[in-house]
Each structure stands twice: as C-alpha cells, then as structure tokens.
Amino acid sequence: MKENFEIKTNIPTMCGIKETAKNFGIAKYHARQLALSGKVKAVRAGRGKILVNQESVAEYFNSSYLTEDKPASTYNRIKPIPVKL
C-alpha cells in the first residue's frame, strides 16, 4: 500500500561564487572571501566548488553598516597633502 507523504524541508538557496557576486553586485573575490572567512554560510562541493547560502549573504549585508562619521579623506588616517602652485 502506497502512502503519499509530503516532506516539508527548509532547503536553503545555494549558489556558486560567480552567481553570488552577480546577485549581490559585489566582486567575485569579495564573495569568495566572505565564504572562506566564515562571515556567511558556505560549503565545499566537489573539486573546489564553493556553494554560498544566499539568505546568509543577504542577512550579512542587511546587518552591516558604517559606524564612523568621518569624511572619506580622513578615513584610515589618510590626509590630503597641500599643494603649492
């Protein structure tokens, strides 16, 4: 006797580095660094293929914000050099 079972699972959306970069408008290098550093959820699949959890990346960007109210010219101790003409 066959019974119809409905399996309800929460399967995350996983994409490769290239597609993740395209989806979020970031460089492939940045997407790879987020995955390798553990800042977002990711797994290795096959020969070096990295699959990134898209919900994790969205959560990362939604919770990130700049904390310093400094102008760009003085950020990271970079100071403009006065030029005499």
PDB file of N, CA and C in Angstrom:
ATOM      1  N   MET A   1       0.834  -1.168   0.000  1.00  0.00           N
ATOM      2  CA  MET A   1       0.000   0.000   0.000  1.00  0.00           C
ATOM      3  C   MET A   1       0.889   1.246   0.000  1.00  0.00           C
ATOM      4  N   LYS A   2       0.696   2.075  -0.984  1.00  0.00           N
ATOM      5  CA  LYS A   2       1.482   3.296  -1.091  1.00  0.00           C
ATOM      6  C   LYS A   2       0.785   4.423  -0.341  1.00  0.00           C
ATOM      7  N   GLU A   3       1.608   5.156   0.383  1.00  0.00           N
ATOM      8  CA  GLU A   3       1.078   6.333   1.065  1.00  0.00           C
ATOM      9  C   GLU A   3       1.793   7.556   0.512  1.00  0.00           C
ATOM     10  N   ASN A   4       1.051   8.601   0.362  1.00  0.00           N
ATOM     11  CA  ASN A   4       1.644   9.849  -0.122  1.00  0.00           C
ATOM     12  C   ASN A   4       2.095  10.671   1.073  1.00  0.00           C
ATOM     13  N   PHE A   5       3.402  10.837   1.172  1.00  0.00           N
ATOM     14  CA  PHE A   5       3.965  11.640   2.246  1.00  0.00           C
ATOM     15  C   PHE A   5       4.452  12.958   1.648  1.00  0.00           C
ATOM     16  N   GLU A   6       4.109  14.005   2.311  1.00  0.00           N
ATOM     17  CA  GLU A   6       4.607  15.302   1.886  1.00  0.00           C
ATOM     18  C   GLU A   6       5.755  15.670   2.813  1.00  0.00           C
ATOM     19  N   ILE A   7       6.929  15.802   2.241  1.00  0.00           N
ATOM     20  CA  ILE A   7       8.101  16.132   3.033  1.00  0.00           C
ATOM     21  C   ILE A   7       8.286  17.640   2.990  1.00  0.00           C
ATOM     22  N   LYS A   8       8.259  18.237   4.159  1.00  0.00           N
ATOM     23  CA  LYS A   8       8.468  19.682   4.248  1.00  0.00           C
ATOM     24  C   LYS A   8       9.847  19.917   4.831  1.00  0.00           C
ATOM     25  N   THR A   9      10.699  20.503   4.031  1.00  0.00           N
ATOM     26  CA  THR A   9      12.047  20.803   4.486  1.00  0.00           C
ATOM     27  C   THR A   9      12.362  22.238   4.156  1.00  0.00           C
ATOM     28  N   ASN A  10      13.269  22.776   4.887  1.00  0.00           N
ATOM     29  CA  ASN A  10      13.722  24.140   4.644  1.00  0.00           C
ATOM     30  C   ASN A  10      15.074  24.057   3.942  1.00  0.00           C
ATOM     31  N   ILE A  11      15.024  23.910   2.629  1.00  0.00           N
ATOM     32  CA  ILE A  11      16.245  23.782   1.848  1.00  0.00           C
ATOM     33  C   ILE A  11      16.711  25.180   1.455  1.00  0.00           C
ATOM     34  N   PRO A  12      17.931  25.563   1.845  1.00  0.00           N
ATOM     35  CA  PRO A  12      18.415  26.909   1.521  1.00  0.00           C
ATOM     36  C   PRO A  12      18.780  27.047   0.047  1.00  0.00           C
ATOM     37  N   THR A  13      18.747  28.261  -0.430  1.00  0.00           N
ATOM     38  CA  THR A  13      19.168  28.552  -1.793  1.00  0.00           C
ATOM     39  C   THR A  13      20.685  28.694  -1.796  1.00  0.00           C
ATOM     40  N   MET A  14      21.348  27.839  -2.554  1.00  0.00           N
ATOM     41  CA  MET A  14      22.805  27.837  -2.616  1.00  0.00           C
ATOM     42  C   MET A  14      23.234  28.173  -4.039  1.00  0.00           C
ATOM     43  N   CYS A  15      24.219  29.056  -4.162  1.00  0.00           N
ATOM     44  CA  CYS A  15      24.746  29.451  -5.473  1.00  0.00           C
ATOM     45  C   CYS A  15      26.266  29.452  -5.417  1.00  0.00           C
ATOM     46  N   GLY A  16      26.872  29.366  -6.572  1.00  0.00           N
ATOM     47  CA  GLY A  16      28.322  29.437  -6.666  1.00  0.00           C
ATOM     48  C   GLY A  16      28.814  30.863  -6.435  1.00  0.00           C
ATOM     49  N   ILE A  17      30.117  31.020  -6.412  1.00  0.00           N
ATOM     50  CA  ILE A  17      30.744  32.320  -6.158  1.00  0.00           C
ATOM     51  C   ILE A  17      30.348  33.327  -7.229  1.00  0.00           C
ATOM     52  N   LYS A  18      30.417  32.935  -8.482  1.00  0.00           N
ATOM     53  CA  LYS A  18      30.127  33.846  -9.587  1.00  0.00           C
ATOM     54  C   LYS A  18      28.683  34.345  -9.536  1.00  0.00           C
ATOM     55  N   GLU A  19      27.761  33.441  -9.302  1.00  0.00           N
ATOM     56  CA  GLU A  19      26.344  33.820  -9.245  1.00  0.00           C
ATOM     57  C   GLU A  19      26.038  34.654  -8.001  1.00  0.00           C
ATOM     58  N   THR A  20      26.690  34.339  -6.883  1.00  0.00           N
ATOM     59  CA  THR A  20      26.513  35.123  -5.658  1.00  0.00           C
ATOM     60  C   THR A  20      26.983  36.554  -5.883  1.00  0.00           C
ATOM     61  N   ALA A  21      28.142  36.703  -6.523  1.00  0.00           N
ATOM     62  CA  ALA A  21      28.680  38.034  -6.809  1.00  0.00           C
ATOM     63  C   ALA A  21      27.713  38.815  -7.701  1.00  0.00           C
ATOM     64  N   LYS A  22      27.169  38.160  -8.695  1.00  0.00           N
ATOM     65  CA  LYS A  22      26.232  38.814  -9.612  1.00  0.00           C
ATOM     66  C   LYS A  22      24.941  39.200  -8.878  1.00  0.00           C
ATOM     67  N   ASN A  23      24.413  38.301  -8.044  1.00  0.00           N
ATOM     68  CA  ASN A  23      23.160  38.557  -7.329  1.00  0.00           C
ATOM     69  C   ASN A  23      23.253  39.754  -6.388  1.00  0.00           C
ATOM     70  N   PHE A  24      24.418  39.943  -5.760  1.00  0.00           N
ATOM     71  CA  PHE A  24      24.564  40.992  -4.757  1.00  0.00           C
ATOM     72  C   PHE A  24      25.378  42.192  -5.238  1.00  0.00           C
ATOM     73  N   GLY A  25      25.831  42.162  -6.481  1.00  0.00           N
ATOM     74  CA  GLY A  25      26.554  43.288  -7.047  1.00  0.00           C
ATOM     75  C   GLY A  25      27.907  43.522  -6.397  1.00  0.00           C
ATOM     76  N   ILE A  26      28.593  42.432  -6.089  1.00  0.00           N
ATOM     77  CA  ILE A  26      29.925  42.534  -5.481  1.00  0.00           C
ATOM     78  C   ILE A  26      30.926  41.795  -6.353  1.00  0.00           C
ATOM     79  N   ALA A  27      32.195  41.985  -6.081  1.00  0.00           N
ATOM     80  CA  ALA A  27      33.242  41.293  -6.835  1.00  0.00           C
ATOM     81  C   ALA A  27      33.282  39.813  -6.436  1.00  0.00           C
ATOM     82  N   LYS A  28      33.709  38.970  -7.370  1.00  0.00           N
ATOM     83  CA  LYS A  28      33.837  37.538  -7.075  1.00  0.00           C
ATOM     84  C   LYS A  28      34.816  37.313  -5.932  1.00  0.00           C
ATOM     85  N   TYR A  29      35.888  38.101  -5.907  1.00  0.00           N
ATOM     86  CA  TYR A  29      36.877  37.984  -4.830  1.00  0.00           C
ATOM     87  C   TYR A  29      36.229  38.233  -3.472  1.00  0.00           C
ATOM     88  N   HIS A  30      35.377  39.270  -3.393  1.00  0.00           N
ATOM     89  CA  HIS A  30      34.717  39.602  -2.129  1.00  0.00           C
ATOM     90  C   HIS A  30      33.755  38.486  -1.710  1.00  0.00           C
ATOM     91  N   ALA A  31      33.011  37.940  -2.651  1.00  0.00           N
ATOM     92  CA  ALA A  31      32.090  36.836  -2.350  1.00  0.00           C
ATOM     93  C   ALA A  31      32.869  35.625  -1.826  1.00  0.00           C
ATOM     94  N   ARG A  32      34.007  35.329  -2.456  1.00  0.00           N
ATOM     95  CA  ARG A  32      34.829  34.205  -2.030  1.00  0.00           C
ATOM     96  C   ARG A  32      35.394  34.446  -0.621  1.00  0.00           C
ATOM     97  N   GLN A  33      35.851  35.668  -0.353  1.00  0.00           N
ATOM     98  CA  GLN A  33      36.410  35.996   0.960  1.00  0.00           C
ATOM     99  C   GLN A  33      35.345  35.899   2.057  1.00  0.00           C
ATOM    100  N   LEU A  34      34.123  36.316   1.772  1.00  0.00           N
ATOM    101  CA  LEU A  34      33.036  36.191   2.752  1.00  0.00           C
ATOM    102  C   LEU A  34      32.806  34.720   3.102  1.00  0.00           C
ATOM    103  N   ALA A  35      32.839  33.872   2.087  1.00  0.00           N
ATOM    104  CA  ALA A  35      32.623  32.443   2.311  1.00  0.00           C
ATOM    105  C   ALA A  35      33.784  31.807   3.063  1.00  0.00           C
ATOM    106  N   LEU A  36      35.017  32.091   2.641  1.00  0.00           N
ATOM    107  CA  LEU A  36      36.186  31.469   3.254  1.00  0.00           C
ATOM    108  C   LEU A  36      36.449  31.965   4.674  1.00  0.00           C
ATOM    109  N   SER A  37      36.048  33.201   4.961  1.00  0.00           N
ATOM    110  CA  SER A  37      36.271  33.749   6.302  1.00  0.00           C
ATOM    111  C   SER A  37      35.218  33.298   7.297  1.00  0.00           C
ATOM    112  N   GLY A  38      34.132  32.699   6.808  1.00  0.00           N
ATOM    113  CA  GLY A  38      33.075  32.242   7.705  1.00  0.00           C
ATOM    114  C   GLY A  38      32.056  33.315   8.041  1.00  0.00           C
ATOM    115  N   LYS A  39      32.127  34.455   7.380  1.00  0.00           N
ATOM    116  CA  LYS A  39      31.169  35.531   7.640  1.00  0.00           C
ATOM    117  C   LYS A  39      29.785  35.194   7.102  1.00  0.00           C
ATOM    118  N   VAL A  40      29.733  34.333   6.099  1.00  0.00           N
ATOM    119  CA  VAL A  40      28.467  33.825   5.567  1.00  0.00           C
ATOM    120  C   VAL A  40      28.548  32.305   5.518  1.00  0.00           C
ATOM    121  N   LYS A  41      27.407  31.666   5.458  1.00  0.00           N
ATOM    122  CA  LYS A  41      27.374  30.207   5.416  1.00  0.00           C
ATOM    123  C   LYS A  41      27.720  29.718   4.013  1.00  0.00           C
ATOM    124  N   ALA A  42      28.629  28.760   3.946  1.00  0.00           N
ATOM    125  CA  ALA A  42      29.054  28.213   2.661  1.00  0.00           C
ATOM    126  C   ALA A  42      29.585  26.803   2.869  1.00  0.00           C
ATOM    127  N   VAL A  43      29.552  26.007   1.802  1.00  0.00           N
ATOM    128  CA  VAL A  43      30.074  24.642   1.843  1.00  0.00           C
ATOM    129  C   VAL A  43      30.896  24.390   0.589  1.00  0.00           C
ATOM    130  N   ARG A  44      31.793  23.434   0.694  1.00  0.00           N
ATOM    131  CA  ARG A  44      32.552  22.989  -0.482  1.00  0.00           C
ATOM    132  C   ARG A  44      31.811  21.803  -1.094  1.00  0.00           C
ATOM    133  N   ALA A  45      31.694  21.836  -2.415  1.00  0.00           N
ATOM    134  CA  ALA A  45      31.014  20.761  -3.124  1.00  0.00           C
ATOM    135  C   ALA A  45      31.864  20.370  -4.323  1.00  0.00           C
ATOM    136  N   GLY A  46      32.339  19.149  -4.330  1.00  0.00           N
ATOM    137  CA  GLY A  46      33.151  18.706  -5.455  1.00  0.00           C
ATOM    138  C   GLY A  46      34.567  19.229  -5.381  1.00  0.00           C
ATOM    139  N   ARG A  47      35.153  19.431  -6.535  1.00  0.00           N
ATOM    140  CA  ARG A  47      36.549  19.850  -6.634  1.00  0.00           C
ATOM    141  C   ARG A  47      36.696  21.361  -6.480  1.00  0.00           C
ATOM    142  N   GLY A  48      36.756  21.817  -5.259  1.00  0.00           N
ATOM    143  CA  GLY A  48      36.990  23.229  -5.003  1.00  0.00           C
ATOM    144  C   GLY A  48      35.791  24.133  -5.207  1.00  0.00           C
ATOM    145  N   LYS A  49      34.658  23.586  -5.621  1.00  0.00           N
ATOM    146  CA  LYS A  49      33.454  24.388  -5.840  1.00  0.00           C
ATOM    147  C   LYS A  49      32.924  24.837  -4.486  1.00  0.00           C
ATOM    148  N   ILE A  50      32.638  26.123  -4.357  1.00  0.00           N
ATOM    149  CA  ILE A  50      32.090  26.670  -3.124  1.00  0.00           C
ATOM    150  C   ILE A  50      30.656  27.098  -3.394  1.00  0.00           C
ATOM    151  N   LEU A  51      29.743  26.601  -2.578  1.00  0.00           N
ATOM    152  CA  LEU A  51      28.343  26.997  -2.668  1.00  0.00           C
ATOM    153  C   LEU A  51      28.021  27.881  -1.480  1.00  0.00           C
ATOM    154  N   VAL A  52      27.411  29.031  -1.755  1.00  0.00           N
ATOM    155  CA  VAL A  52      27.147  30.037  -0.729  1.00  0.00           C
ATOM    156  C   VAL A  52      25.646  30.125  -0.477  1.00  0.00           C
ATOM    157  N   ASN A  53      25.271  30.151   0.796  1.00  0.00           N
ATOM    158  CA  ASN A  53      23.877  30.296   1.207  1.00  0.00           C
ATOM    159  C   ASN A  53      23.459  31.747   0.962  1.00  0.00           C
ATOM    160  N   GLN A  54      22.497  31.945   0.057  1.00  0.00           N
ATOM    161  CA  GLN A  54      22.101  33.286  -0.351  1.00  0.00           C
ATOM    162  C   GLN A  54      21.399  34.064   0.765  1.00  0.00           C
ATOM    163  N   GLU A  55      20.631  33.385   1.595  1.00  0.00           N
ATOM    164  CA  GLU A  55      19.965  34.051   2.714  1.00  0.00           C
ATOM    165  C   GLU A  55      20.997  34.574   3.717  1.00  0.00           C
ATOM    166  N   SER A  56      22.080  33.825   3.885  1.00  0.00           N
ATOM    167  CA  SER A  56      23.143  34.226   4.795  1.00  0.00           C
ATOM    168  C   SER A  56      23.846  35.488   4.301  1.00  0.00           C
ATOM    169  N   VAL A  57      24.052  35.584   2.985  1.00  0.00           N
ATOM    170  CA  VAL A  57      24.694  36.769   2.416  1.00  0.00           C
ATOM    171  C   VAL A  57      23.770  37.981   2.570  1.00  0.00           C
ATOM    172  N   ALA A  58      22.487  37.797   2.303  1.00  0.00           N
ATOM    173  CA  ALA A  58      21.527  38.898   2.454  1.00  0.00           C
ATOM    174  C   ALA A  58      21.486  39.374   3.901  1.00  0.00           C
ATOM    175  N   GLU A  59      21.501  38.437   4.837  1.00  0.00           N
ATOM    176  CA  GLU A  59      21.497  38.784   6.264  1.00  0.00           C
ATOM    177  C   GLU A  59      22.775  39.535   6.634  1.00  0.00           C
ATOM    178  N   TYR A  60      23.905  39.102   6.093  1.00  0.00           N
ATOM    179  CA  TYR A  60      25.184  39.768   6.359  1.00  0.00           C
ATOM    180  C   TYR A  60      25.138  41.229   5.912  1.00  0.00           C
ATOM    181  N   PHE A  61      24.663  41.466   4.688  1.00  0.00           N
ATOM    182  CA  PHE A  61      24.617  42.837   4.183  1.00  0.00           C
ATOM    183  C   PHE A  61      23.543  43.671   4.879  1.00  0.00           C
ATOM    184  N   ASN A  62      22.440  43.071   5.257  1.00  0.00           N
ATOM    185  CA  ASN A  62      21.386  43.815   5.946  1.00  0.00           C
ATOM    186  C   ASN A  62      21.789  44.210   7.364  1.00  0.00           C
ATOM    187  N   SER A  63      22.712  43.466   7.967  1.00  0.00           N
ATOM    188  CA  SER A  63      23.136  43.786   9.326  1.00  0.00           C
ATOM    189  C   SER A  63      24.432  44.588   9.369  1.00  0.00           C
ATOM    190  N   SER A  64      25.035  44.860   8.213  1.00  0.00           N
ATOM    191  CA  SER A  64      26.281  45.617   8.148  1.00  0.00           C
ATOM    192  C   SER A  64      25.985  47.088   7.907  1.00  0.00           C
ATOM    193  N   TYR A  65      26.745  47.939   8.578  1.00  0.00           N
ATOM    194  CA  TYR A  65      26.613  49.367   8.361  1.00  0.00           C
ATOM    195  C   TYR A  65      27.892  50.062   8.800  1.00  0.00           C
ATOM    196  N   LEU A  66      28.111  51.240   8.276  1.00  0.00           N
ATOM    197  CA  LEU A  66      29.285  52.026   8.651  1.00  0.00           C
ATOM    198  C   LEU A  66      29.022  52.658  10.009  1.00  0.00           C
ATOM    199  N   THR A  67      30.028  52.656  10.871  1.00  0.00           N
ATOM    200  CA  THR A  67      29.849  53.190  12.212  1.00  0.00           C
ATOM    201  C   THR A  67      30.530  54.526  12.423  1.00  0.00           C
ATOM    202  N   GLU A  68      31.486  54.870  11.600  1.00  0.00           N
ATOM    203  CA  GLU A  68      32.236  56.103  11.794  1.00  0.00           C
ATOM    204  C   GLU A  68      31.677  57.207  10.906  1.00  0.00           C
ATOM    205  N   ASP A  69      31.560  58.390  11.467  1.00  0.00           N
ATOM    206  CA  ASP A  69      31.073  59.542  10.714  1.00  0.00           C
ATOM    207  C   ASP A  69      32.233  60.441  10.308  1.00  0.00           C
ATOM    208  N   LYS A  70      33.210  59.869   9.656  1.00  0.00           N
ATOM    209  CA  LYS A  70      34.372  60.628   9.219  1.00  0.00           C
ATOM    210  C   LYS A  70      34.306  60.826   7.710  1.00  0.00           C
ATOM    211  N   PRO A  71      34.774  61.963   7.229  1.00  0.00           N
ATOM    212  CA  PRO A  71      34.833  62.141   5.780  1.00  0.00           C
ATOM    213  C   PRO A  71      35.807  61.148   5.148  1.00  0.00           C
ATOM    214  N   ALA A  72      35.588  60.837   3.908  1.00  0.00           N
ATOM    215  CA  ALA A  72      36.412  59.847   3.220  1.00  0.00           C
ATOM    216  C   ALA A  72      37.887  60.247   3.176  1.00  0.00           C
ATOM    217  N   SER A  73      38.174  61.547   3.146  1.00  0.00           N
ATOM    218  CA  SER A  73      39.564  61.980   3.032  1.00  0.00           C
ATOM    219  C   SER A  73      40.363  61.701   4.299  1.00  0.00           C
ATOM    220  N   THR A  74      39.705  61.602   5.460  1.00  0.00           N
ATOM    221  CA  THR A  74      40.434  61.335   6.705  1.00  0.00           C
ATOM    222  C   THR A  74      40.232  59.908   7.192  1.00  0.00           C
ATOM    223  N   TYR A  75      39.474  59.125   6.474  1.00  0.00           N
ATOM    224  CA  TYR A  75      39.219  57.748   6.866  1.00  0.00           C
ATOM    225  C   TYR A  75      40.516  56.942   6.756  1.00  0.00           C
ATOM    226  N   ASN A  76      40.800  56.110   7.717  1.00  0.00           N
ATOM    227  CA  ASN A  76      42.009  55.289   7.766  1.00  0.00           C
ATOM    228  C   ASN A  76      43.284  56.128   7.790  1.00  0.00           C
ATOM    229  N   ARG A  77      43.216  57.271   8.410  1.00  0.00           N
ATOM    230  CA  ARG A  77      44.368  58.147   8.627  1.00  0.00           C
ATOM    231  C   ARG A  77      44.993  58.680   7.334  1.00  0.00           C
ATOM    232  N   ILE A  78      44.232  58.730   6.274  1.00  0.00           N
ATOM    233  CA  ILE A  78      44.728  59.309   5.031  1.00  0.00           C
ATOM    234  C   ILE A  78      44.410  60.795   5.077  1.00  0.00           C
ATOM    235  N   LYS A  79      45.437  61.601   4.940  1.00  0.00           N
ATOM    236  CA  LYS A  79      45.246  63.051   4.997  1.00  0.00           C
ATOM    237  C   LYS A  79      45.629  63.672   3.667  1.00  0.00           C
ATOM    238  N   PRO A  80      44.872  64.680   3.239  1.00  0.00           N
ATOM    239  CA  PRO A  80      45.230  65.330   1.981  1.00  0.00           C
ATOM    240  C   PRO A  80      46.540  66.109   2.123  1.00  0.00           C
ATOM    241  N   ILE A  81      47.315  66.133   1.078  1.00  0.00           N
ATOM    242  CA  ILE A  81      48.595  66.848   1.074  1.00  0.00           C
ATOM    243  C   ILE A  81      48.374  68.193   0.406  1.00  0.00           C
ATOM    244  N   PRO A  82      48.702  69.281   1.097  1.00  0.00           N
ATOM    245  CA  PRO A  82      48.508  70.593   0.465  1.00  0.00           C
ATOM    246  C   PRO A  82      49.488  70.763  -0.697  1.00  0.00           C
ATOM    247  N   VAL A  83      49.002  71.312  -1.762  1.00  0.00           N
ATOM    248  CA  VAL A  83      49.811  71.512  -2.966  1.00  0.00           C
ATOM    249  C   VAL A  83      50.022  72.998  -3.171  1.00  0.00           C
ATOM    250  N   LYS A  84      51.271  73.410  -3.345  1.00  0.00           N
ATOM    251  CA  LYS A  84      51.586  74.822  -3.618  1.00  0.00           C
ATOM    252  C   LYS A  84      51.913  74.947  -5.091  1.00  0.00           C
ATOM    253  N   LEU A  85      51.193  75.826  -5.746  1.00  0.00           N
ATOM    254  CA  LEU A  85      51.434  76.039  -7.181  1.00  0.00           C
ATOM    255  C   LEU A  85      52.149  77.332  -7.419  1.00  0.00           C
TER     256      LEU A  85
END
